[in-house]
Amino acid sequence: MSEKPPTCASAAMTRTSRKHQAKTPGQAPQKPGTRARIIEAADRLFYEQGYEHTSFADIAGAVNLSRGNFYYHFKTKDEILDAVIAHRLTEREIWLAEWERENDDPVARIRRFIDILIMNRDKILRYGCPLGSLSTELTKLDHPLQGEAGKLFTLFRTWLARQFALAGQKRGADRLAMHLLALSQGIATLANTFHDETFIRREVRALYTWLDDVTGKGNAGA
């Protein structure tokens, strides 16, 4: 699995990460460091091309680094994968924390999770779900980091279950969380297969209705 880098690369932090980057008042935000730029470039390429079909040369070409600089930060592709997974976990933890700060209503928070399908619809139509595609690929490869990639789903599963519990569905919270994860993955897979944006929008509306029904919101005005 490991591959020696034929050239160098560097990856930039995502928009969410940049937003939370510390800065001194009166100064412009610091530019992401070389390691961070390598990770972001690898993150994008692993999603668009797949882990197995992305080489050190691909990542290096995306960030224009010399072989020596690249090798200083990462000596194998598996090291980059490990860093990409950690980066994705941190990024999504930030999302979840933001959703909780923005709204006290757990049902509204769950809707934010569902909204990901709409917000990322263009990428889903082209490349599928970033979490599902990576996890599936690593499982097929029997890669030693497949368990680490699975932590991304565990993060959402745990968070969704907590929101369902707060919404009054404590006994079935984990079952509902898993059901919503399964539905969202199925929608992403079929939308990618058929390149059908209308399907995504229709199924998201159905998810909203389902969410209101299972949490009692649908009967609020009755």
N, C-alpha and C. Protein backbone atom coordinates (compact mmCIF):
# COMPACT_ATOMS: atom_id res chain seq x y z
N MET A 1 0.82 -1.22 0.00
CA MET A 1 0.00 0.00 0.00
C MET A 1 0.85 1.26 0.00
N SER A 2 1.95 1.26 0.78
CA SER A 2 2.77 2.46 0.90
C SER A 2 3.52 2.74 -0.38
N GLU A 3 3.69 4.01 -0.68
CA GLU A 3 4.34 4.40 -1.93
C GLU A 3 5.34 5.50 -1.65
N LYS A 4 6.55 5.36 -2.14
CA LYS A 4 7.56 6.40 -1.98
C LYS A 4 7.24 7.58 -2.87
N PRO A 5 7.37 8.80 -2.35
CA PRO A 5 6.97 9.96 -3.14
C PRO A 5 7.94 10.27 -4.25
N PRO A 6 7.47 10.26 -5.53
CA PRO A 6 8.34 10.60 -6.63
C PRO A 6 8.54 12.09 -6.76
N THR A 7 7.70 12.87 -6.13
CA THR A 7 7.85 14.32 -6.17
C THR A 7 7.20 14.88 -4.92
N CYS A 8 6.99 16.19 -4.82
CA CYS A 8 6.53 16.81 -3.59
C CYS A 8 5.16 17.41 -3.71
N ALA A 9 4.51 17.61 -2.56
CA ALA A 9 3.19 18.20 -2.58
C ALA A 9 2.92 18.97 -1.33
N SER A 10 1.84 19.78 -1.37
CA SER A 10 1.43 20.48 -0.18
C SER A 10 -0.05 20.74 -0.24
N ALA A 11 -0.76 20.70 0.88
CA ALA A 11 -2.22 20.74 0.85
C ALA A 11 -2.81 21.82 1.71
N ALA A 12 -3.83 22.46 1.21
CA ALA A 12 -4.40 23.60 1.92
C ALA A 12 -5.55 23.20 2.80
N MET A 13 -5.76 23.92 3.89
CA MET A 13 -6.87 23.64 4.78
C MET A 13 -8.17 24.04 4.09
N THR A 14 -9.26 23.40 4.47
CA THR A 14 -10.55 23.70 3.85
C THR A 14 -11.11 25.01 4.36
N ARG A 15 -12.20 25.46 3.71
CA ARG A 15 -12.81 26.73 4.13
C ARG A 15 -13.17 26.70 5.60
N THR A 16 -13.71 25.58 6.07
CA THR A 16 -14.11 25.50 7.47
C THR A 16 -12.90 25.62 8.37
N SER A 17 -11.81 24.94 8.01
CA SER A 17 -10.61 24.99 8.83
C SER A 17 -10.03 26.39 8.85
N ARG A 18 -10.03 27.06 7.70
CA ARG A 18 -9.48 28.41 7.64
C ARG A 18 -10.25 29.36 8.55
N LYS A 19 -11.57 29.16 8.62
CA LYS A 19 -12.40 30.03 9.42
C LYS A 19 -11.98 30.00 10.88
N HIS A 20 -11.50 28.84 11.33
CA HIS A 20 -11.17 28.67 12.73
C HIS A 20 -9.67 28.83 12.98
N GLN A 21 -8.92 29.26 12.01
CA GLN A 21 -7.50 29.43 12.17
C GLN A 21 -7.22 30.67 13.02
N ALA A 22 -6.34 30.52 14.03
CA ALA A 22 -6.06 31.64 14.91
C ALA A 22 -5.31 32.74 14.18
N LYS A 23 -5.61 33.98 14.54
CA LYS A 23 -4.91 35.09 13.93
C LYS A 23 -4.82 36.25 14.91
N THR A 24 -3.81 37.07 14.77
CA THR A 24 -3.62 38.22 15.63
C THR A 24 -4.46 39.37 15.11
N PRO A 25 -5.19 40.09 16.03
CA PRO A 25 -5.99 41.22 15.57
C PRO A 25 -5.16 42.22 14.77
N GLY A 26 -5.72 42.66 13.64
CA GLY A 26 -5.02 43.63 12.81
C GLY A 26 -4.12 43.00 11.77
N GLN A 27 -3.94 41.67 11.85
CA GLN A 27 -3.09 40.99 10.88
C GLN A 27 -3.96 40.15 9.94
N ALA A 28 -3.45 39.95 8.73
CA ALA A 28 -4.15 39.09 7.79
C ALA A 28 -4.01 37.65 8.27
N PRO A 29 -5.00 36.77 7.96
CA PRO A 29 -4.90 35.36 8.36
C PRO A 29 -3.63 34.73 7.80
N GLN A 30 -3.01 33.87 8.59
CA GLN A 30 -1.80 33.20 8.12
C GLN A 30 -2.15 32.22 7.01
N LYS A 31 -1.24 32.09 6.07
CA LYS A 31 -1.44 31.12 5.00
C LYS A 31 -1.23 29.73 5.57
N PRO A 32 -2.00 28.73 5.07
CA PRO A 32 -1.81 27.36 5.54
C PRO A 32 -0.38 26.91 5.29
N GLY A 33 0.17 26.13 6.21
CA GLY A 33 1.52 25.61 6.05
C GLY A 33 1.58 24.53 5.00
N THR A 34 2.80 24.12 4.70
CA THR A 34 3.02 23.12 3.66
C THR A 34 2.30 21.82 3.96
N ARG A 35 2.43 21.34 5.18
CA ARG A 35 1.78 20.07 5.55
C ARG A 35 0.26 20.17 5.38
N ALA A 36 -0.32 21.29 5.82
CA ALA A 36 -1.77 21.47 5.71
C ALA A 36 -2.20 21.48 4.25
N ARG A 37 -1.39 22.10 3.37
CA ARG A 37 -1.74 22.14 1.95
C ARG A 37 -1.64 20.76 1.31
N ILE A 38 -0.68 19.97 1.75
CA ILE A 38 -0.56 18.60 1.25
C ILE A 38 -1.81 17.80 1.62
N ILE A 39 -2.25 17.96 2.86
CA ILE A 39 -3.41 17.20 3.33
C ILE A 39 -4.67 17.59 2.57
N GLU A 40 -4.87 18.87 2.34
CA GLU A 40 -6.08 19.28 1.61
C GLU A 40 -6.06 18.79 0.17
N ALA A 41 -4.90 18.88 -0.47
CA ALA A 41 -4.80 18.40 -1.85
C ALA A 41 -5.07 16.90 -1.92
N ALA A 42 -4.49 16.16 -0.98
CA ALA A 42 -4.71 14.71 -0.94
C ALA A 42 -6.17 14.39 -0.65
N ASP A 43 -6.77 15.14 0.26
CA ASP A 43 -8.17 14.94 0.59
C ASP A 43 -9.04 15.07 -0.66
N ARG A 44 -8.80 16.13 -1.42
CA ARG A 44 -9.58 16.36 -2.65
C ARG A 44 -9.34 15.26 -3.68
N LEU A 45 -8.08 14.88 -3.88
CA LEU A 45 -7.76 13.88 -4.90
C LEU A 45 -8.24 12.48 -4.51
N PHE A 46 -8.14 12.13 -3.23
CA PHE A 46 -8.65 10.83 -2.79
C PHE A 46 -10.15 10.74 -3.05
N TYR A 47 -10.84 11.87 -2.88
CA TYR A 47 -12.28 11.91 -3.12
C TYR A 47 -12.59 11.82 -4.61
N GLU A 48 -11.90 12.60 -5.40
CA GLU A 48 -12.21 12.68 -6.83
C GLU A 48 -11.69 11.48 -7.62
N GLN A 49 -10.51 10.96 -7.26
CA GLN A 49 -9.88 9.88 -8.03
C GLN A 49 -9.89 8.54 -7.32
N GLY A 50 -10.09 8.57 -6.01
CA GLY A 50 -9.95 7.36 -5.21
C GLY A 50 -8.56 7.28 -4.62
N TYR A 51 -8.44 6.63 -3.49
CA TYR A 51 -7.14 6.51 -2.81
C TYR A 51 -6.15 5.72 -3.66
N GLU A 52 -6.58 4.57 -4.15
CA GLU A 52 -5.66 3.69 -4.87
C GLU A 52 -5.14 4.33 -6.15
N HIS A 53 -5.94 5.15 -6.81
CA HIS A 53 -5.55 5.72 -8.09
C HIS A 53 -4.91 7.11 -7.96
N THR A 54 -4.64 7.53 -6.73
CA THR A 54 -3.95 8.80 -6.51
C THR A 54 -2.52 8.52 -6.09
N SER A 55 -1.56 9.06 -6.81
CA SER A 55 -0.15 8.83 -6.52
C SER A 55 0.47 10.04 -5.83
N PHE A 56 1.69 9.86 -5.33
CA PHE A 56 2.43 10.99 -4.78
C PHE A 56 2.60 12.06 -5.85
N ALA A 57 2.83 11.63 -7.08
CA ALA A 57 3.03 12.58 -8.17
C ALA A 57 1.77 13.44 -8.38
N ASP A 58 0.60 12.82 -8.26
CA ASP A 58 -0.65 13.58 -8.41
C ASP A 58 -0.75 14.66 -7.33
N ILE A 59 -0.47 14.29 -6.11
CA ILE A 59 -0.58 15.24 -5.00
C ILE A 59 0.48 16.32 -5.14
N ALA A 60 1.69 15.90 -5.49
CA ALA A 60 2.78 16.85 -5.66
C ALA A 60 2.46 17.86 -6.76
N GLY A 61 1.89 17.37 -7.85
CA GLY A 61 1.55 18.26 -8.95
C GLY A 61 0.49 19.27 -8.58
N ALA A 62 -0.37 18.90 -7.62
CA ALA A 62 -1.44 19.81 -7.20
C ALA A 62 -0.93 20.95 -6.35
N VAL A 63 0.26 20.77 -5.74
CA VAL A 63 0.77 21.80 -4.82
C VAL A 63 2.15 22.34 -5.19
N ASN A 64 2.73 21.81 -6.25
CA ASN A 64 3.99 22.34 -6.79
C ASN A 64 5.12 22.38 -5.77
N LEU A 65 5.42 21.23 -5.16
CA LEU A 65 6.53 21.14 -4.23
C LEU A 65 7.63 20.25 -4.79
N SER A 66 8.83 20.44 -4.29
CA SER A 66 9.94 19.60 -4.70
C SER A 66 9.86 18.25 -3.99
N ARG A 67 10.57 17.26 -4.53
CA ARG A 67 10.57 15.92 -3.94
C ARG A 67 11.05 15.96 -2.50
N GLY A 68 12.09 16.72 -2.25
CA GLY A 68 12.63 16.79 -0.89
C GLY A 68 11.65 17.38 0.11
N ASN A 69 10.96 18.44 -0.27
CA ASN A 69 9.99 19.06 0.63
C ASN A 69 8.83 18.12 0.92
N PHE A 70 8.39 17.41 -0.10
CA PHE A 70 7.28 16.47 0.10
C PHE A 70 7.70 15.37 1.06
N TYR A 71 8.86 14.79 0.81
CA TYR A 71 9.33 13.66 1.60
C TYR A 71 9.60 14.07 3.04
N TYR A 72 9.88 15.33 3.27
CA TYR A 72 10.11 15.83 4.63
C TYR A 72 8.83 15.68 5.46
N HIS A 73 7.67 15.87 4.84
CA HIS A 73 6.40 15.84 5.57
C HIS A 73 5.76 14.46 5.59
N PHE A 74 5.85 13.72 4.47
CA PHE A 74 5.22 12.41 4.37
C PHE A 74 6.12 11.46 3.60
N LYS A 75 6.38 10.29 4.20
CA LYS A 75 7.27 9.32 3.55
C LYS A 75 6.50 8.21 2.84
N THR A 76 5.22 8.04 3.17
CA THR A 76 4.40 7.03 2.49
C THR A 76 3.00 7.60 2.23
N LYS A 77 2.31 6.99 1.29
CA LYS A 77 0.95 7.43 0.99
C LYS A 77 0.01 7.10 2.14
N ASP A 78 0.29 6.02 2.86
CA ASP A 78 -0.53 5.67 4.01
C ASP A 78 -0.45 6.74 5.10
N GLU A 79 0.71 7.36 5.25
CA GLU A 79 0.84 8.45 6.22
C GLU A 79 -0.06 9.62 5.82
N ILE A 80 -0.13 9.89 4.54
CA ILE A 80 -1.02 10.97 4.06
C ILE A 80 -2.47 10.59 4.31
N LEU A 81 -2.83 9.35 4.03
CA LEU A 81 -4.21 8.89 4.24
C LEU A 81 -4.60 9.06 5.71
N ASP A 82 -3.71 8.68 6.60
CA ASP A 82 -3.98 8.81 8.03
C ASP A 82 -4.24 10.28 8.39
N ALA A 83 -3.44 11.18 7.82
CA ALA A 83 -3.60 12.61 8.08
C ALA A 83 -4.90 13.14 7.48
N VAL A 84 -5.27 12.64 6.30
CA VAL A 84 -6.52 13.07 5.65
C VAL A 84 -7.73 12.66 6.49
N ILE A 85 -7.72 11.44 7.00
CA ILE A 85 -8.83 10.97 7.83
C ILE A 85 -8.93 11.83 9.10
N ALA A 86 -7.79 12.11 9.73
CA ALA A 86 -7.79 12.95 10.92
C ALA A 86 -8.31 14.35 10.60
N HIS A 87 -7.93 14.87 9.44
CA HIS A 87 -8.40 16.19 9.00
C HIS A 87 -9.91 16.19 8.79
N ARG A 88 -10.42 15.14 8.15
CA ARG A 88 -11.87 15.06 7.92
C ARG A 88 -12.63 14.98 9.25
N LEU A 89 -12.07 14.22 10.20
CA LEU A 89 -12.72 14.13 11.51
C LEU A 89 -12.78 15.49 12.19
N THR A 90 -11.66 16.19 12.19
CA THR A 90 -11.62 17.51 12.82
C THR A 90 -12.58 18.47 12.15
N GLU A 91 -12.61 18.47 10.82
CA GLU A 91 -13.48 19.35 10.07
C GLU A 91 -14.95 19.09 10.41
N ARG A 92 -15.33 17.82 10.47
CA ARG A 92 -16.72 17.49 10.75
C ARG A 92 -17.09 17.72 12.21
N GLU A 93 -16.15 17.57 13.10
CA GLU A 93 -16.41 17.93 14.50
C GLU A 93 -16.71 19.43 14.62
N ILE A 94 -16.03 20.23 13.81
CA ILE A 94 -16.29 21.67 13.78
C ILE A 94 -17.70 21.94 13.26
N TRP A 95 -18.09 21.24 12.19
CA TRP A 95 -19.45 21.39 11.66
C TRP A 95 -20.48 21.13 12.76
N LEU A 96 -20.34 19.99 13.43
CA LEU A 96 -21.33 19.59 14.43
C LEU A 96 -21.40 20.60 15.57
N ALA A 97 -20.24 21.07 16.00
CA ALA A 97 -20.22 22.07 17.07
C ALA A 97 -20.92 23.36 16.61
N GLU A 98 -20.71 23.76 15.37
CA GLU A 98 -21.36 24.95 14.83
C GLU A 98 -22.87 24.77 14.76
N TRP A 99 -23.32 23.61 14.31
CA TRP A 99 -24.76 23.36 14.23
C TRP A 99 -25.40 23.44 15.61
N GLU A 100 -24.70 22.96 16.63
CA GLU A 100 -25.25 23.00 17.98
C GLU A 100 -25.28 24.43 18.51
N ARG A 101 -24.28 25.22 18.16
CA ARG A 101 -24.27 26.61 18.61
C ARG A 101 -25.36 27.43 17.91
N GLU A 102 -25.62 27.09 16.66
CA GLU A 102 -26.56 27.88 15.86
C GLU A 102 -28.02 27.65 16.24
N ASN A 103 -28.34 26.47 16.78
CA ASN A 103 -29.74 26.14 17.02
C ASN A 103 -29.89 25.25 18.25
N ASP A 104 -30.83 25.60 19.11
CA ASP A 104 -31.09 24.81 20.30
C ASP A 104 -32.03 23.63 20.02
N ASP A 105 -32.69 23.63 18.88
CA ASP A 105 -33.65 22.60 18.53
C ASP A 105 -32.94 21.40 17.91
N PRO A 106 -32.98 20.23 18.55
CA PRO A 106 -32.27 19.06 18.00
C PRO A 106 -32.80 18.63 16.63
N VAL A 107 -34.09 18.83 16.38
CA VAL A 107 -34.65 18.46 15.08
C VAL A 107 -34.07 19.36 13.99
N ALA A 108 -33.94 20.65 14.29
CA ALA A 108 -33.33 21.58 13.33
C ALA A 108 -31.87 21.20 13.08
N ARG A 109 -31.20 20.71 14.10
CA ARG A 109 -29.80 20.27 13.93
C ARG A 109 -29.72 19.07 12.99
N ILE A 110 -30.66 18.13 13.16
CA ILE A 110 -30.68 16.95 12.29
C ILE A 110 -30.96 17.37 10.85
N ARG A 111 -31.80 18.37 10.68
CA ARG A 111 -32.07 18.88 9.33
C ARG A 111 -30.79 19.41 8.69
N ARG A 112 -29.91 19.98 9.49
CA ARG A 112 -28.64 20.47 8.94
C ARG A 112 -27.83 19.31 8.37
N PHE A 113 -27.88 18.17 9.04
CA PHE A 113 -27.20 16.99 8.51
C PHE A 113 -27.82 16.59 7.17
N ILE A 114 -29.14 16.55 7.10
CA ILE A 114 -29.82 16.20 5.85
C ILE A 114 -29.47 17.19 4.74
N ASP A 115 -29.32 18.46 5.12
CA ASP A 115 -29.02 19.51 4.14
C ASP A 115 -27.70 19.29 3.41
N ILE A 116 -26.82 18.48 4.00
CA ILE A 116 -25.53 18.20 3.34
C ILE A 116 -25.76 17.66 1.93
N LEU A 117 -26.80 16.86 1.76
CA LEU A 117 -27.10 16.28 0.45
C LEU A 117 -27.38 17.36 -0.59
N ILE A 118 -28.04 18.43 -0.16
CA ILE A 118 -28.31 19.54 -1.08
C ILE A 118 -27.08 20.40 -1.28
N MET A 119 -26.40 20.73 -0.19
CA MET A 119 -25.22 21.60 -0.27
C MET A 119 -24.12 20.99 -1.13
N ASN A 120 -23.97 19.67 -1.06
CA ASN A 120 -22.89 18.98 -1.79
C ASN A 120 -23.39 18.24 -3.02
N ARG A 121 -24.57 18.60 -3.51
CA ARG A 121 -25.19 17.82 -4.59
C ARG A 121 -24.32 17.75 -5.85
N ASP A 122 -23.65 18.85 -6.20
CA ASP A 122 -22.84 18.82 -7.42
C ASP A 122 -21.69 17.82 -7.30
N LYS A 123 -21.05 17.81 -6.14
CA LYS A 123 -19.95 16.86 -5.92
C LYS A 123 -20.46 15.44 -5.81
N ILE A 124 -21.60 15.27 -5.17
CA ILE A 124 -22.18 13.93 -5.04
C ILE A 124 -22.51 13.37 -6.42
N LEU A 125 -23.06 14.19 -7.28
CA LEU A 125 -23.41 13.73 -8.63
C LEU A 125 -22.17 13.28 -9.39
N ARG A 126 -21.04 13.93 -9.15
CA ARG A 126 -19.81 13.60 -9.88
C ARG A 126 -18.99 12.50 -9.21
N TYR A 127 -18.90 12.55 -7.86
CA TYR A 127 -17.96 11.65 -7.17
C TYR A 127 -18.58 10.78 -6.09
N GLY A 128 -19.85 10.97 -5.78
CA GLY A 128 -20.47 10.20 -4.71
C GLY A 128 -20.23 10.84 -3.34
N CYS A 129 -20.47 10.08 -2.30
CA CYS A 129 -20.28 10.58 -0.94
C CYS A 129 -18.82 10.43 -0.53
N PRO A 130 -18.18 11.48 -0.02
CA PRO A 130 -16.76 11.36 0.35
C PRO A 130 -16.51 10.35 1.47
N LEU A 131 -17.44 10.25 2.43
CA LEU A 131 -17.27 9.30 3.51
C LEU A 131 -17.48 7.88 3.02
N GLY A 132 -18.61 7.69 2.32
CA GLY A 132 -18.94 6.35 1.87
C GLY A 132 -17.96 5.80 0.84
N SER A 133 -17.52 6.65 -0.08
CA SER A 133 -16.62 6.18 -1.14
C SER A 133 -15.27 5.76 -0.57
N LEU A 134 -14.73 6.55 0.37
CA LEU A 134 -13.43 6.20 0.96
C LEU A 134 -13.54 4.94 1.81
N SER A 135 -14.57 4.86 2.63
CA SER A 135 -14.74 3.69 3.49
C SER A 135 -14.90 2.42 2.67
N THR A 136 -15.70 2.50 1.62
CA THR A 136 -15.91 1.33 0.76
C THR A 136 -14.62 0.91 0.07
N GLU A 137 -13.87 1.88 -0.44
CA GLU A 137 -12.63 1.55 -1.14
C GLU A 137 -11.62 0.89 -0.20
N LEU A 138 -11.47 1.45 1.00
CA LEU A 138 -10.49 0.89 1.94
C LEU A 138 -10.90 -0.50 2.41
N THR A 139 -12.20 -0.74 2.51
CA THR A 139 -12.68 -2.07 2.88
C THR A 139 -12.37 -3.07 1.77
N LYS A 140 -12.59 -2.68 0.52
CA LYS A 140 -12.27 -3.56 -0.60
C LYS A 140 -10.78 -3.88 -0.65
N LEU A 141 -9.96 -2.89 -0.31
CA LEU A 141 -8.51 -3.09 -0.34
C LEU A 141 -8.01 -3.81 0.92
N ASP A 142 -8.90 -4.04 1.88
CA ASP A 142 -8.52 -4.59 3.18
C ASP A 142 -7.39 -3.76 3.79
N HIS A 143 -7.54 -2.44 3.66
CA HIS A 143 -6.51 -1.52 4.12
C HIS A 143 -6.51 -1.42 5.64
N PRO A 144 -5.34 -1.36 6.26
CA PRO A 144 -5.27 -1.29 7.73
C PRO A 144 -5.94 -0.05 8.34
N LEU A 145 -6.17 0.99 7.52
CA LEU A 145 -6.79 2.20 8.05
C LEU A 145 -8.30 2.25 7.81
N GLN A 146 -8.88 1.13 7.37
CA GLN A 146 -10.33 1.14 7.13
C GLN A 146 -11.10 1.42 8.42
N GLY A 147 -10.57 0.96 9.56
CA GLY A 147 -11.22 1.23 10.84
C GLY A 147 -11.19 2.70 11.19
N GLU A 148 -10.08 3.37 10.87
CA GLU A 148 -9.98 4.81 11.11
C GLU A 148 -10.98 5.57 10.26
N ALA A 149 -11.13 5.17 9.00
CA ALA A 149 -12.09 5.83 8.12
C ALA A 149 -13.51 5.63 8.65
N GLY A 150 -13.77 4.48 9.26
CA GLY A 150 -15.09 4.20 9.81
C GLY A 150 -15.46 5.12 10.95
N LYS A 151 -14.46 5.74 11.57
CA LYS A 151 -14.74 6.66 12.67
C LYS A 151 -15.53 7.88 12.21
N LEU A 152 -15.44 8.20 10.92
CA LEU A 152 -16.21 9.32 10.39
C LEU A 152 -17.71 9.02 10.48
N PHE A 153 -18.10 7.79 10.14
CA PHE A 153 -19.49 7.39 10.28
C PHE A 153 -19.89 7.31 11.75
N THR A 154 -18.98 6.80 12.58
CA THR A 154 -19.27 6.70 14.01
C THR A 154 -19.52 8.08 14.62
N LEU A 155 -18.75 9.07 14.15
CA LEU A 155 -18.94 10.44 14.64
C LEU A 155 -20.35 10.92 14.36
N PHE A 156 -20.82 10.75 13.12
CA PHE A 156 -22.17 11.18 12.77
C PHE A 156 -23.22 10.32 13.47
N ARG A 157 -22.96 9.01 13.57
CA ARG A 157 -23.92 8.12 14.24
C ARG A 157 -24.14 8.55 15.68
N THR A 158 -23.06 8.79 16.39
CA THR A 158 -23.16 9.19 17.80
C THR A 158 -23.85 10.53 17.94
N TRP A 159 -23.49 11.49 17.08
CA TRP A 159 -24.07 12.82 17.16
C TRP A 159 -25.56 12.79 16.83
N LEU A 160 -25.94 12.08 15.77
CA LEU A 160 -27.34 11.98 15.40
C LEU A 160 -28.17 11.30 16.48
N ALA A 161 -27.62 10.24 17.06
CA ALA A 161 -28.34 9.54 18.13
C ALA A 161 -28.58 10.48 19.31
N ARG A 162 -27.61 11.31 19.63
CA ARG A 162 -27.78 12.27 20.72
C ARG A 162 -28.88 13.28 20.40
N GLN A 163 -28.94 13.72 19.14
CA GLN A 163 -29.97 14.68 18.76
C GLN A 163 -31.37 14.03 18.79
N PHE A 164 -31.47 12.78 18.33
CA PHE A 164 -32.76 12.10 18.39
C PHE A 164 -33.21 11.90 19.85
N ALA A 165 -32.24 11.60 20.73
CA ALA A 165 -32.57 11.45 22.15
C ALA A 165 -33.08 12.76 22.72
N LEU A 166 -32.42 13.85 22.37
CA LEU A 166 -32.85 15.17 22.84
C LEU A 166 -34.22 15.54 22.27
N ALA A 167 -34.56 14.98 21.12
CA ALA A 167 -35.85 15.26 20.48
C ALA A 167 -36.96 14.36 21.03
N GLY A 168 -36.67 13.60 22.08
CA GLY A 168 -37.67 12.78 22.72
C GLY A 168 -37.71 11.34 22.26
N GLN A 169 -36.72 10.91 21.48
CA GLN A 169 -36.68 9.55 20.95
C GLN A 169 -35.51 8.77 21.56
N LYS A 170 -35.40 8.84 22.88
CA LYS A 170 -34.24 8.25 23.54
C LYS A 170 -34.13 6.74 23.33
N ARG A 171 -35.25 6.02 23.41
CA ARG A 171 -35.20 4.56 23.30
C ARG A 171 -34.75 4.10 21.92
N GLY A 172 -35.17 4.81 20.89
CA GLY A 172 -34.83 4.39 19.52
C GLY A 172 -33.80 5.29 18.86
N ALA A 173 -33.07 6.06 19.66
CA ALA A 173 -32.17 7.08 19.11
C ALA A 173 -31.11 6.50 18.17
N ASP A 174 -30.44 5.44 18.58
CA ASP A 174 -29.37 4.89 17.74
C ASP A 174 -29.95 4.25 16.48
N ARG A 175 -31.10 3.57 16.62
CA ARG A 175 -31.74 2.97 15.45
C ARG A 175 -32.12 4.03 14.43
N LEU A 176 -32.65 5.15 14.90
CA LEU A 176 -33.02 6.24 13.99
C LEU A 176 -31.78 6.87 13.35
N ALA A 177 -30.72 7.01 14.13
CA ALA A 177 -29.47 7.57 13.59
C ALA A 177 -28.93 6.68 12.48
N MET A 178 -28.92 5.36 12.70
CA MET A 178 -28.42 4.44 11.68
C MET A 178 -29.33 4.44 10.45
N HIS A 179 -30.62 4.55 10.67
CA HIS A 179 -31.57 4.59 9.55
C HIS A 179 -31.34 5.82 8.68
N LEU A 180 -31.13 6.96 9.32
CA LEU A 180 -30.88 8.19 8.56
C LEU A 180 -29.56 8.12 7.82
N LEU A 181 -28.53 7.56 8.45
CA LEU A 181 -27.25 7.38 7.76
C LEU A 181 -27.41 6.47 6.54
N ALA A 182 -28.17 5.39 6.71
CA ALA A 182 -28.38 4.45 5.60
C ALA A 182 -29.14 5.12 4.46
N LEU A 183 -30.17 5.88 4.80
CA LEU A 183 -30.94 6.57 3.77
C LEU A 183 -30.08 7.59 3.02
N SER A 184 -29.30 8.36 3.75
CA SER A 184 -28.48 9.39 3.11
C SER A 184 -27.42 8.77 2.21
N GLN A 185 -26.84 7.64 2.65
CA GLN A 185 -25.85 6.96 1.81
C GLN A 185 -26.50 6.38 0.55
N GLY A 186 -27.69 5.84 0.70
CA GLY A 186 -28.39 5.30 -0.46
C GLY A 186 -28.74 6.39 -1.46
N ILE A 187 -29.19 7.53 -0.95
CA ILE A 187 -29.52 8.65 -1.84
C ILE A 187 -28.28 9.10 -2.60
N ALA A 188 -27.16 9.24 -1.89
CA ALA A 188 -25.92 9.69 -2.53
C ALA A 188 -25.46 8.70 -3.59
N THR A 189 -25.55 7.41 -3.28
CA THR A 189 -25.11 6.38 -4.23
C THR A 189 -25.95 6.37 -5.49
N LEU A 190 -27.27 6.41 -5.34
CA LEU A 190 -28.15 6.37 -6.51
C LEU A 190 -28.08 7.67 -7.31
N ALA A 191 -27.96 8.80 -6.61
CA ALA A 191 -27.84 10.08 -7.32
C ALA A 191 -26.57 10.10 -8.16
N ASN A 192 -25.48 9.55 -7.61
CA ASN A 192 -24.23 9.48 -8.35
C ASN A 192 -24.34 8.52 -9.54
N THR A 193 -25.02 7.41 -9.34
CA THR A 193 -25.18 6.41 -10.40
C THR A 193 -25.98 6.97 -11.58
N PHE A 194 -27.08 7.67 -11.26
CA PHE A 194 -27.98 8.16 -12.31
C PHE A 194 -27.79 9.64 -12.63
N HIS A 195 -26.87 10.30 -11.92
CA HIS A 195 -26.59 11.73 -12.15
C HIS A 195 -27.91 12.53 -12.15
N ASP A 196 -28.67 12.34 -11.11
CA ASP A 196 -30.03 12.88 -11.06
C ASP A 196 -30.18 13.83 -9.87
N GLU A 197 -30.10 15.13 -10.13
CA GLU A 197 -30.25 16.12 -9.07
C GLU A 197 -31.69 16.19 -8.56
N THR A 198 -32.65 16.00 -9.46
CA THR A 198 -34.06 16.02 -9.06
C THR A 198 -34.34 14.94 -8.03
N PHE A 199 -33.70 13.78 -8.21
CA PHE A 199 -33.84 12.69 -7.24
C PHE A 199 -33.35 13.12 -5.86
N ILE A 200 -32.21 13.79 -5.80
CA ILE A 200 -31.69 14.25 -4.51
C ILE A 200 -32.70 15.18 -3.83
N ARG A 201 -33.19 16.14 -4.56
CA ARG A 201 -34.13 17.12 -3.97
C ARG A 201 -35.42 16.43 -3.50
N ARG A 202 -35.92 15.51 -4.28
CA ARG A 202 -37.14 14.80 -3.91
C ARG A 202 -36.94 13.97 -2.65
N GLU A 203 -35.81 13.27 -2.59
CA GLU A 203 -35.54 12.41 -1.44
C GLU A 203 -35.23 13.23 -0.18
N VAL A 204 -34.62 14.38 -0.34
CA VAL A 204 -34.37 15.25 0.82
C VAL A 204 -35.70 15.73 1.39
N ARG A 205 -36.65 16.10 0.53
CA ARG A 205 -37.97 16.49 1.03
C ARG A 205 -38.63 15.33 1.78
N ALA A 206 -38.45 14.12 1.27
CA ALA A 206 -39.01 12.95 1.95
C ALA A 206 -38.34 12.73 3.31
N LEU A 207 -37.06 13.00 3.39
CA LEU A 207 -36.35 12.88 4.67
C LEU A 207 -36.86 13.91 5.68
N TYR A 208 -37.13 15.12 5.21
CA TYR A 208 -37.71 16.13 6.11
C TYR A 208 -39.03 15.64 6.68
N THR A 209 -39.88 15.09 5.82
CA THR A 209 -41.19 14.59 6.26
C THR A 209 -41.01 13.45 7.25
N TRP A 210 -40.13 12.52 6.93
CA TRP A 210 -39.85 11.39 7.83
C TRP A 210 -39.36 11.89 9.18
N LEU A 211 -38.46 12.86 9.18
CA LEU A 211 -37.92 13.40 10.43
C LEU A 211 -39.02 14.01 11.27
N ASP A 212 -39.88 14.79 10.63
CA ASP A 212 -41.00 15.41 11.38
C ASP A 212 -41.93 14.34 11.94
N ASP A 213 -42.15 13.29 11.20
CA ASP A 213 -43.05 12.21 11.66
C ASP A 213 -42.46 11.48 12.87
N VAL A 214 -41.19 11.10 12.80
CA VAL A 214 -40.62 10.29 13.89
C VAL A 214 -40.36 11.12 15.14
N THR A 215 -40.25 12.43 15.01
CA THR A 215 -40.01 13.27 16.18
C THR A 215 -41.28 13.96 16.67
N GLY A 216 -42.40 13.73 15.97
CA GLY A 216 -43.65 14.34 16.39
C GLY A 216 -43.88 15.73 15.89
N LYS A 217 -42.93 16.27 15.11
CA LYS A 217 -43.08 17.63 14.59
C LYS A 217 -44.22 17.72 13.59
N GLY A 218 -44.47 16.61 12.88
CA GLY A 218 -45.51 16.62 11.88
C GLY A 218 -46.90 16.78 12.45
N ASN A 219 -47.04 16.47 13.75
CA ASN A 219 -48.35 16.59 14.39
C ASN A 219 -48.45 17.83 15.25
N ALA A 220 -47.41 18.69 15.17
CA ALA A 220 -47.35 19.85 16.05
C ALA A 220 -48.53 20.79 15.85
N GLY A 221 -48.99 20.92 14.60
CA GLY A 221 -50.07 21.85 14.33
C GLY A 221 -51.44 21.20 14.36
N ALA A 222 -51.49 19.88 14.65
CA ALA A 222 -52.77 19.16 14.62
C ALA A 222 -53.62 19.50 15.83
